[in-house]
C-alpha atoms as a PDB file:
ATOM      1  CA  MET A   1      -0.203   0.327   0.097  1.00  0.00           C
ATOM      2  CA  TYR A   2       1.062   3.447  -0.476  1.00  0.00           C
ATOM      3  CA  LEU A   3       1.686   6.423   1.818  1.00  0.00           C
ATOM      4  CA  ILE A   4       1.732   9.139  -1.155  1.00  0.00           C
ATOM      5  CA  GLU A   5      -0.493   8.933  -4.258  1.00  0.00           C
ATOM      6  CA  ALA A   6      -0.282  12.208  -6.594  1.00  0.00           C
ATOM      7  CA  GLU A   7      -2.291  11.178  -9.763  1.00  0.00           C
ATOM      8  CA  LYS A   8      -2.768  13.865 -12.502  1.00  0.00           C
ATOM      9  CA  LEU A   9      -1.709  16.550 -10.062  1.00  0.00           C
ATOM     10  CA  LYS A  10      -1.936  20.510 -11.179  1.00  0.00           C
ATOM     11  CA  LYS A  11      -1.037  23.368  -9.477  1.00  0.00           C
ATOM     12  CA  VAL A  12      -1.714  26.584 -11.732  1.00  0.00           C
ATOM     13  CA  TYR A  13      -0.606  30.030  -9.967  1.00  0.00           C
ATOM     14  CA  ALA A  14      -2.498  32.846 -11.062  1.00  0.00           C
ATOM     15  CA  GLU A  15      -0.144  36.185 -12.233  1.00  0.00           C
ATOM     16  CA  GLY A  16      -2.275  39.369 -12.291  1.00  0.00           C
ATOM     17  CA  LYS A  17      -5.957  38.913 -14.420  1.00  0.00           C
ATOM     18  CA  SER A  18      -4.351  37.714 -17.444  1.00  0.00           C
ATOM     19  CA  LYS A  19      -1.164  35.523 -16.713  1.00  0.00           C
ATOM     20  CA  ASN A  20      -0.889  32.323 -14.922  1.00  0.00           C
ATOM     21  CA  THR A  21       2.061  30.326 -14.478  1.00  0.00           C
ATOM     22  CA  ILE A  22       1.299  26.330 -14.454  1.00  0.00           C
ATOM     23  CA  ALA A  23       3.761  25.049 -11.989  1.00  0.00           C
ATOM     24  CA  ILE A  24       3.091  21.123 -12.570  1.00  0.00           C
ATOM     25  CA  GLU A  25       0.642  19.287 -14.774  1.00  0.00           C
ATOM     26  CA  ASP A  26      -0.080  15.610 -14.888  1.00  0.00           C
ATOM     27  CA  PHE A  27       2.057  14.585 -11.934  1.00  0.00           C
ATOM     28  CA  ASN A  28       1.947  11.194 -10.959  1.00  0.00           C
ATOM     29  CA  LEU A  29       3.796   9.892  -7.719  1.00  0.00           C
ATOM     30  CA  LYS A  30       3.163   7.211  -5.296  1.00  0.00           C
ATOM     31  CA  VAL A  31       5.487   6.434  -2.101  1.00  0.00           C
ATOM     32  CA  LYS A  32       5.439   3.984   0.045  1.00  0.00           C
ATOM     33  CA  GLU A  33       5.153   4.488   4.121  1.00  0.00           C
ATOM     34  CA  ARG A  34       9.223   4.870   5.171  1.00  0.00           C
ATOM     35  CA  GLU A  35      10.184   5.212   1.913  1.00  0.00           C
ATOM     36  CA  PHE A  36      13.214   7.866   1.600  1.00  0.00           C
ATOM     37  CA  THR A  37      12.427   9.788  -1.896  1.00  0.00           C
ATOM     38  CA  SER A  38      13.948  12.027  -3.303  1.00  0.00           C
ATOM     39  CA  ILE A  39      13.067  14.677  -6.126  1.00  0.00           C
ATOM     40  CA  VAL A  40      15.145  16.284  -8.379  1.00  0.00           C
ATOM     41  CA  GLY A  41      14.767  18.210 -11.657  1.00  0.00           C
ATOM     42  CA  PRO A  42      15.911  21.843 -13.166  1.00  0.00           C
ATOM     43  CA  SER A  43      14.953  24.920 -11.445  1.00  0.00           C
ATOM     44  CA  GLY A  44      11.688  25.950 -11.417  1.00  0.00           C
ATOM     45  CA  CYS A  45       9.995  22.606 -12.751  1.00  0.00           C
ATOM     46  CA  GLY A  46       7.962  22.637  -9.227  1.00  0.00           C
ATOM     47  CA  LYS A  47       9.917  20.796  -7.209  1.00  0.00           C
ATOM     48  CA  SER A  48       8.965  22.889  -3.995  1.00  0.00           C
ATOM     49  CA  THR A  49       5.175  23.422  -5.093  1.00  0.00           C
ATOM     50  CA  PHE A  50       4.723  19.486  -4.935  1.00  0.00           C
ATOM     51  CA  LEU A  51       6.145  19.538  -1.134  1.00  0.00           C
ATOM     52  CA  LEU A  52       3.941  22.559  -0.454  1.00  0.00           C
ATOM     53  CA  LEU A  53       0.861  20.620  -1.786  1.00  0.00           C
ATOM     54  CA  VAL A  54       1.897  17.655  -0.083  1.00  0.00           C
ATOM     55  CA  SER A  55       2.227  19.371   3.272  1.00  0.00           C
ATOM     56  CA  GLY A  56      -1.060  21.165   2.767  1.00  0.00           C
ATOM     57  CA  LEU A  57       0.031  24.773   2.809  1.00  0.00           C
ATOM     58  CA  GLU A  58      -1.003  24.871  -1.069  1.00  0.00           C
ATOM     59  CA  LYS A  59      -4.275  23.566  -2.740  1.00  0.00           C
ATOM     60  CA  ALA A  60      -3.883  21.502  -6.125  1.00  0.00           C
ATOM     61  CA  THR A  61      -5.672  23.304  -8.982  1.00  0.00           C
ATOM     62  CA  ALA A  62      -6.730  19.596 -10.494  1.00  0.00           C
ATOM     63  CA  GLY A  63      -6.063  16.292  -9.377  1.00  0.00           C
ATOM     64  CA  LYS A  64      -6.005  13.834  -6.777  1.00  0.00           C
ATOM     65  CA  LEU A  65      -3.592  13.984  -3.610  1.00  0.00           C
ATOM     66  CA  TYR A  66      -3.583  11.388  -0.917  1.00  0.00           C
ATOM     67  CA  ILE A  67      -2.285  10.186   2.483  1.00  0.00           C
ATOM     68  CA  ASN A  68      -2.684   7.239   3.759  1.00  0.00           C
ATOM     69  CA  GLY A  69      -5.840   6.949   1.716  1.00  0.00           C
ATOM     70  CA  GLN A  70      -7.307  10.188   3.115  1.00  0.00           C
ATOM     71  CA  PRO A  71      -7.432  13.352   0.219  1.00  0.00           C
ATOM     72  CA  VAL A  72      -5.223  16.224   1.556  1.00  0.00           C
ATOM     73  CA  ASN A  73      -7.308  19.266   2.706  1.00  0.00           C
ATOM     74  CA  GLY A  74      -4.865  21.499   4.618  1.00  0.00           C
ATOM     75  CA  PRO A  75      -2.162  21.078   6.689  1.00  0.00           C
ATOM     76  CA  ASP A  76      -1.789  18.339   9.395  1.00  0.00           C
ATOM     77  CA  PRO A  77       0.735  17.483  12.428  1.00  0.00           C
ATOM     78  CA  LEU A  78       0.990  14.332  11.055  1.00  0.00           C
ATOM     79  CA  ARG A  79       3.004  16.257   7.995  1.00  0.00           C
ATOM     80  CA  SER A  80       5.895  18.283   8.584  1.00  0.00           C
ATOM     81  CA  ILE A  81       8.637  20.372   6.304  1.00  0.00           C
ATOM     82  CA  VAL A  82      11.678  21.944   6.356  1.00  0.00           C
ATOM     83  CA  PHE A  83      12.810  24.402   4.470  1.00  0.00           C
ATOM     84  CA  GLN A  84      16.298  25.202   3.391  1.00  0.00           C
ATOM     85  CA  GLU A  85      16.165  28.521   5.524  1.00  0.00           C
ATOM     86  CA  TYR A  86      16.110  27.297   9.345  1.00  0.00           C
ATOM     87  CA  LEU A  87      13.040  29.298  10.098  1.00  0.00           C
ATOM     88  CA  LEU A  88      14.125  29.296  13.929  1.00  0.00           C
ATOM     89  CA  PHE A  89      12.069  32.052  16.173  1.00  0.00           C
ATOM     90  CA  PRO A  90      15.287  34.102  16.999  1.00  0.00           C
ATOM     91  CA  TRP A  91      13.992  34.900  20.672  1.00  0.00           C
ATOM     92  CA  LYS A  92      13.272  31.222  21.553  1.00  0.00           C
ATOM     93  CA  THR A  93      16.456  28.801  23.054  1.00  0.00           C
ATOM     94  CA  VAL A  94      16.960  25.574  20.927  1.00  0.00           C
ATOM     95  CA  ARG A  95      14.729  23.716  23.518  1.00  0.00           C
ATOM     96  CA  GLY A  96      11.857  26.291  22.874  1.00  0.00           C
ATOM     97  CA  ASN A  97      11.943  25.845  19.628  1.00  0.00           C
ATOM     98  CA  VAL A  98      11.686  22.457  19.410  1.00  0.00           C
ATOM     99  CA  GLU A  99       8.839  22.631  21.685  1.00  0.00           C
ATOM    100  CA  PHE A 100       6.586  25.813  20.016  1.00  0.00           C
ATOM    101  CA  GLY A 101       4.269  22.825  18.309  1.00  0.00           C
ATOM    102  CA  LEU A 102       3.712  21.213  21.766  1.00  0.00           C
ATOM    103  CA  GLU A 103       2.946  24.276  23.206  1.00  0.00           C
ATOM    104  CA  ILE A 104       0.285  24.871  20.503  1.00  0.00           C
ATOM    105  CA  LYS A 105      -1.165  21.940  21.007  1.00  0.00           C
ATOM    106  CA  ARG A 106      -1.163  22.427  25.375  1.00  0.00           C
ATOM    107  CA  ILE A 107       1.165  19.468  26.392  1.00  0.00           C
ATOM    108  CA  PRO A 108       1.842  20.119  29.888  1.00  0.00           C
ATOM    109  CA  LYS A 109       5.277  21.594  30.670  1.00  0.00           C
ATOM    110  CA  LYS A 110       6.947  18.202  32.218  1.00  0.00           C
ATOM    111  CA  LYS A 111       5.268  16.123  29.022  1.00  0.00           C
ATOM    112  CA  ARG A 112       6.988  19.157  26.688  1.00  0.00           C
ATOM    113  CA  ARG A 113      10.203  18.923  28.475  1.00  0.00           C
ATOM    114  CA  GLU A 114      10.593  15.140  28.338  1.00  0.00           C
ATOM    115  CA  ILE A 115       9.753  14.663  24.668  1.00  0.00           C
ATOM    116  CA  SER A 116      11.506  17.805  23.302  1.00  0.00           C
ATOM    117  CA  SER A 117      14.881  16.223  25.232  1.00  0.00           C
ATOM    118  CA  ALA A 118      14.063  13.198  23.167  1.00  0.00           C
ATOM    119  CA  TYR A 119      14.286  14.782  19.799  1.00  0.00           C
ATOM    120  CA  ILE A 120      16.925  17.335  21.011  1.00  0.00           C
ATOM    121  CA  GLU A 121      19.122  14.089  21.806  1.00  0.00           C
ATOM    122  CA  LEU A 122      17.824  12.495  18.300  1.00  0.00           C
ATOM    123  CA  VAL A 123      19.810  14.937  16.514  1.00  0.00           C
ATOM    124  CA  GLY A 124      22.663  15.182  18.532  1.00  0.00           C
ATOM    125  CA  LEU A 125      22.458  18.805  20.283  1.00  0.00           C
ATOM    126  CA  GLU A 126      22.270  17.615  23.837  1.00  0.00           C
ATOM    127  CA  GLY A 127      24.041  20.154  25.950  1.00  0.00           C
ATOM    128  CA  PHE A 128      22.478  23.047  23.753  1.00  0.00           C
ATOM    129  CA  GLU A 129      19.054  23.320  24.840  1.00  0.00           C
ATOM    130  CA  ASN A 130      19.199  26.987  26.036  1.00  0.00           C
ATOM    131  CA  ARG A 131      21.437  28.277  23.231  1.00  0.00           C
ATOM    132  CA  TYR A 132      19.663  30.973  20.977  1.00  0.00           C
ATOM    133  CA  PRO A 133      19.944  30.758  17.024  1.00  0.00           C
ATOM    134  CA  HIS A 134      22.410  33.139  16.823  1.00  0.00           C
ATOM    135  CA  GLU A 135      24.563  30.903  19.136  1.00  0.00           C
ATOM    136  CA  LEU A 136      24.375  28.126  16.264  1.00  0.00           C
ATOM    137  CA  SER A 137      26.464  27.237  13.221  1.00  0.00           C
ATOM    138  CA  GLY A 138      24.197  26.510  10.038  1.00  0.00           C
ATOM    139  CA  GLY A 139      24.481  22.955  10.530  1.00  0.00           C
ATOM    140  CA  MET A 140      23.338  22.808  14.129  1.00  0.00           C
ATOM    141  CA  LYS A 141      19.908  25.274  12.966  1.00  0.00           C
ATOM    142  CA  GLN A 142      18.999  22.894  10.573  1.00  0.00           C
ATOM    143  CA  ARG A 143      18.996  19.766  13.370  1.00  0.00           C
ATOM    144  CA  VAL A 144      17.232  22.146  15.172  1.00  0.00           C
ATOM    145  CA  ALA A 145      14.602  22.768  12.675  1.00  0.00           C
ATOM    146  CA  ILE A 146      14.471  18.912  11.464  1.00  0.00           C
ATOM    147  CA  ALA A 147      14.247  18.332  15.885  1.00  0.00           C
ATOM    148  CA  ARG A 148      10.892  20.555  15.567  1.00  0.00           C
ATOM    149  CA  ALA A 149       9.575  18.751  12.399  1.00  0.00           C
ATOM    150  CA  LEU A 150       9.459  15.417  14.030  1.00  0.00           C
ATOM    151  CA  VAL A 151       8.447  16.625  17.545  1.00  0.00           C
ATOM    152  CA  ASN A 152       4.757  15.568  16.495  1.00  0.00           C
ATOM    153  CA  LYS A 153       5.712  12.287  15.204  1.00  0.00           C
ATOM    154  CA  PRO A 154       4.740  12.896  11.757  1.00  0.00           C
ATOM    155  CA  LYS A 155       4.202  10.197   9.234  1.00  0.00           C
ATOM    156  CA  VAL A 156       5.872  12.434   6.468  1.00  0.00           C
ATOM    157  CA  ILE A 157       8.684  14.670   6.487  1.00  0.00           C
ATOM    158  CA  LEU A 158       9.096  16.814   4.039  1.00  0.00           C
ATOM    159  CA  LEU A 159      12.574  18.259   3.491  1.00  0.00           C
ATOM    160  CA  ASP A 160      13.235  21.278   0.539  1.00  0.00           C
ATOM    161  CA  GLU A 161      17.026  21.683   0.221  1.00  0.00           C
ATOM    162  CA  PRO A 162      17.801  21.663   3.495  1.00  0.00           C
ATOM    163  CA  PHE A 163      21.332  21.460   3.057  1.00  0.00           C
ATOM    164  CA  GLY A 164      21.597  23.620   0.471  1.00  0.00           C
ATOM    165  CA  SER A 165      23.096  26.407   1.803  1.00  0.00           C
ATOM    166  CA  LEU A 166      25.940  24.625   4.207  1.00  0.00           C
ATOM    167  CA  ASP A 167      29.258  24.576   3.271  1.00  0.00           C
ATOM    168  CA  ALA A 168      30.829  20.659   1.700  1.00  0.00           C
ATOM    169  CA  LEU A 169      31.894  18.993   5.006  1.00  0.00           C
ATOM    170  CA  THR A 170      28.527  19.978   7.231  1.00  0.00           C
ATOM    171  CA  ARG A 171      26.565  18.872   4.470  1.00  0.00           C
ATOM    172  CA  GLU A 172      28.401  15.470   3.884  1.00  0.00           C
ATOM    173  CA  GLY A 173      27.940  14.859   7.504  1.00  0.00           C
ATOM    174  CA  LEU A 174      24.363  16.068   7.860  1.00  0.00           C
ATOM    175  CA  GLN A 175      23.412  13.614   5.322  1.00  0.00           C
ATOM    176  CA  THR A 176      24.723  10.597   7.380  1.00  0.00           C
ATOM    177  CA  GLU A 177      22.814  11.978  10.127  1.00  0.00           C
ATOM    178  CA  LEU A 178      19.833  12.254   8.342  1.00  0.00           C
ATOM    179  CA  LEU A 179      19.936   8.698   7.449  1.00  0.00           C
ATOM    180  CA  ARG A 180      20.435   7.736  10.934  1.00  0.00           C
ATOM    181  CA  ILE A 181      17.404  10.353  12.151  1.00  0.00           C
ATOM    182  CA  TRP A 182      14.735   8.580   9.634  1.00  0.00           C
ATOM    183  CA  HIS A 183      15.721   5.093  10.214  1.00  0.00           C
ATOM    184  CA  GLU A 184      15.362   5.882  13.828  1.00  0.00           C
ATOM    185  CA  ALA A 185      12.255   7.602  13.408  1.00  0.00           C
ATOM    186  CA  LYS A 186      10.444   5.369  11.084  1.00  0.00           C
ATOM    187  CA  CYS A 187       8.864   7.990   9.016  1.00  0.00           C
ATOM    188  CA  THR A 188       8.205   8.651   5.042  1.00  0.00           C
ATOM    189  CA  VAL A 189      10.606  11.193   3.582  1.00  0.00           C
ATOM    190  CA  LEU A 190      10.396  13.506   0.825  1.00  0.00           C
ATOM    191  CA  PHE A 191      13.552  15.148   0.101  1.00  0.00           C
ATOM    192  CA  VAL A 192      14.164  17.890  -2.280  1.00  0.00           C
ATOM    193  CA  THR A 193      17.831  18.561  -4.048  1.00  0.00           C
ATOM    194  CA  HIS A 194      19.770  19.635  -6.760  1.00  0.00           C
ATOM    195  CA  SER A 195      22.536  17.363  -5.854  1.00  0.00           C
ATOM    196  CA  ILE A 196      22.490  13.710  -7.873  1.00  0.00           C
ATOM    197  CA  SER A 197      25.054  12.467  -5.548  1.00  0.00           C
ATOM    198  CA  GLU A 198      22.755  13.361  -2.514  1.00  0.00           C
ATOM    199  CA  ALA A 199      19.650  11.900  -3.800  1.00  0.00           C
ATOM    200  CA  VAL A 200      21.573   8.746  -4.790  1.00  0.00           C
ATOM    201  CA  TYR A 201      23.804   8.577  -1.525  1.00  0.00           C
ATOM    202  CA  LEU A 202      20.272   8.791   0.747  1.00  0.00           C
ATOM    203  CA  SER A 203      17.367   7.329  -1.006  1.00  0.00           C
ATOM    204  CA  ASP A 204      15.546   4.545  -1.691  1.00  0.00           C
ATOM    205  CA  LYS A 205      13.998   6.188  -4.917  1.00  0.00           C
ATOM    206  CA  VAL A 206      14.780   9.216  -6.886  1.00  0.00           C
ATOM    207  CA  ALA A 207      12.099  10.941  -8.952  1.00  0.00           C
ATOM    208  CA  ILE A 208      13.358  13.060 -11.915  1.00  0.00           C
ATOM    209  CA  MET A 209      11.159  15.864 -12.848  1.00  0.00           C
ATOM    210  CA  SER A 210      10.740  17.045 -16.465  1.00  0.00           C
ATOM    211  CA  LYS A 211      11.383  21.072 -16.852  1.00  0.00           C
ATOM    212  CA  ARG A 212       7.985  23.683 -16.186  1.00  0.00           C
ATOM    213  CA  PRO A 213       5.337  22.496 -15.764  1.00  0.00           C
ATOM    214  CA  GLY A 214       6.692  19.614 -14.134  1.00  0.00           C
ATOM    215  CA  ARG A 215       6.002  16.287 -14.002  1.00  0.00           C
ATOM    216  CA  ILE A 216       7.433  13.148 -12.888  1.00  0.00           C
ATOM    217  CA  LYS A 217       9.692  11.825 -16.049  1.00  0.00           C
ATOM    218  CA  GLU A 218      11.357   8.793 -14.239  1.00  0.00           C
ATOM    219  CA  LEU A 219      11.222   6.820 -11.310  1.00  0.00           C
ATOM    220  CA  ILE A 220      14.087   5.033 -10.403  1.00  0.00           C
ATOM    221  CA  THR A 221      14.889   2.594  -7.901  1.00  0.00           C
ATOM    222  CA  ILE A 222      18.303   2.856  -6.056  1.00  0.00           C
ATOM    223  CA  ASP A 223      19.501  -0.475  -5.585  1.00  0.00           C
ATOM    224  CA  LEU A 224      22.589  -0.076  -2.808  1.00  0.00           C
ATOM    225  CA  PRO A 225      22.475  -1.926   0.561  1.00  0.00           C
ATOM    226  CA  ARG A 226      21.514  -0.367   3.539  1.00  0.00           C
ATOM    227  CA  PRO A 227      23.176   1.339   5.749  1.00  0.00           C
ATOM    228  CA  ARG A 228      24.631   3.981   3.218  1.00  0.00           C
ATOM    229  CA  THR A 229      28.380   4.416   3.311  1.00  0.00           C
ATOM    230  CA  LYS A 230      30.351   7.035   2.352  1.00  0.00           C
ATOM    231  CA  ASP A 231      33.116   5.033   0.499  1.00  0.00           C
ATOM    232  CA  MET A 232      29.551   4.208  -2.041  1.00  0.00           C
ATOM    233  CA  PHE A 233      30.528   7.116  -3.407  1.00  0.00           C
ATOM    234  CA  VAL A 234      33.276   5.847  -5.617  1.00  0.00           C
ATOM    235  CA  SER A 235      31.819   2.274  -6.315  1.00  0.00           C
ATOM    236  CA  SER A 236      30.955   1.650 -10.083  1.00  0.00           C
ATOM    237  CA  GLU A 237      27.261   1.002  -9.297  1.00  0.00           C
ATOM    238  CA  PHE A 238      27.133   4.574  -7.414  1.00  0.00           C
ATOM    239  CA  ARG A 239      28.511   6.195 -10.497  1.00  0.00           C
ATOM    240  CA  GLU A 240      26.258   4.261 -12.376  1.00  0.00           C
ATOM    241  CA  TYR A 241      23.216   5.784 -11.019  1.00  0.00           C
ATOM    242  CA  GLU A 242      24.723   8.980 -10.974  1.00  0.00           C
ATOM    243  CA  ARG A 243      25.966   9.065 -14.558  1.00  0.00           C
ATOM    244  CA  TYR A 244      22.032   8.021 -15.840  1.00  0.00           C
ATOM    245  CA  LEU A 245      20.543  10.496 -13.346  1.00  0.00           C
ATOM    246  CA  LYS A 246      22.623  13.681 -14.555  1.00  0.00           C
ATOM    247  CA  GLU A 247      21.893  12.352 -18.001  1.00  0.00           C
ATOM    248  CA  LEU A 248      18.412  12.514 -17.380  1.00  0.00           C
ATOM    249  CA  VAL A 249      18.547  16.003 -15.879  1.00  0.00           C
ATOM    250  CA  TRP A 250      20.450  17.432 -18.356  1.00  0.00           C
ATOM    251  CA  GLU A 251      18.083  16.468 -21.263  1.00  0.00           C
ATOM    252  CA  GLU A 252      15.816  18.413 -19.351  1.00  0.00           C
ATOM    253  CA  PHE A 253      17.979  21.312 -18.618  1.00  0.00           C
ATOM    254  CA  ASN A 254      18.878  21.417 -22.471  1.00  0.00           C
ATOM    255  CA  ASP A 255      15.519  21.489 -23.512  1.00  0.00           C
ATOM    256  CA  VAL A 256      15.348  24.973 -21.362  1.00  0.00           C
ATOM    257  CA  THR A 257      18.218  26.679 -22.728  1.00  0.00           C
ATOM    258  CA  ASN A 258      17.149  25.310 -26.200  1.00  0.00           C
ATOM    259  CA  GLU A 259      14.008  27.291 -25.882  1.00  0.00           C
ATOM    260  CA  ILE A 260      15.666  30.627 -24.205  1.00  0.00           C
END
């Protein structure tokens, strides 16, 4: 059974009275429970739009979108989203940011502390509970954002280029950390990235999108053993997946440049 089912999705953004932009059209994708699926494609193809539709923050213009067999009609605590920008509350500590959703649900303070401590430990930030965002590195801020997204125990976590603004070494470290967190949290992940190697390393499946209006061009199963290790980057199997995915993306990029 599929946890996420998108069928013939279409999203149109109105720009004034006479101009519309079709972000995605005829978009079809199915994702199994606890699967890690990355979405890759040329800039502006609608990757982030699809995450917003799954989150319920945007509404589809046409088509069907189901989570666990139920239509998506708006935001839900069982679906959490993490953006490239950290979007932390600067006046709240690490613990305060992680506990925000629990406060909204009026969970008692003692229970909030217990839950937040578990997720702060999960993302490796024990000892930093009382620090403020301006006292943290970029990688640490993103860990806080991930902990805040996980604290409500979502079935689906949506990550929109979460490591895009980080330096290469921090990014590589957080890739491995994310796989550990995903394994322990037992959730389903949709992960948007521009990095082919990152998608191959992290994913069970990689969805390649076409140029705008975006659709799923091809869904590739990454048949590499888990747990993933960094030495896989130099293996012939990894390189072949990387080469094939790059070819698919470059076809779309070339189509875009030929139209300019």
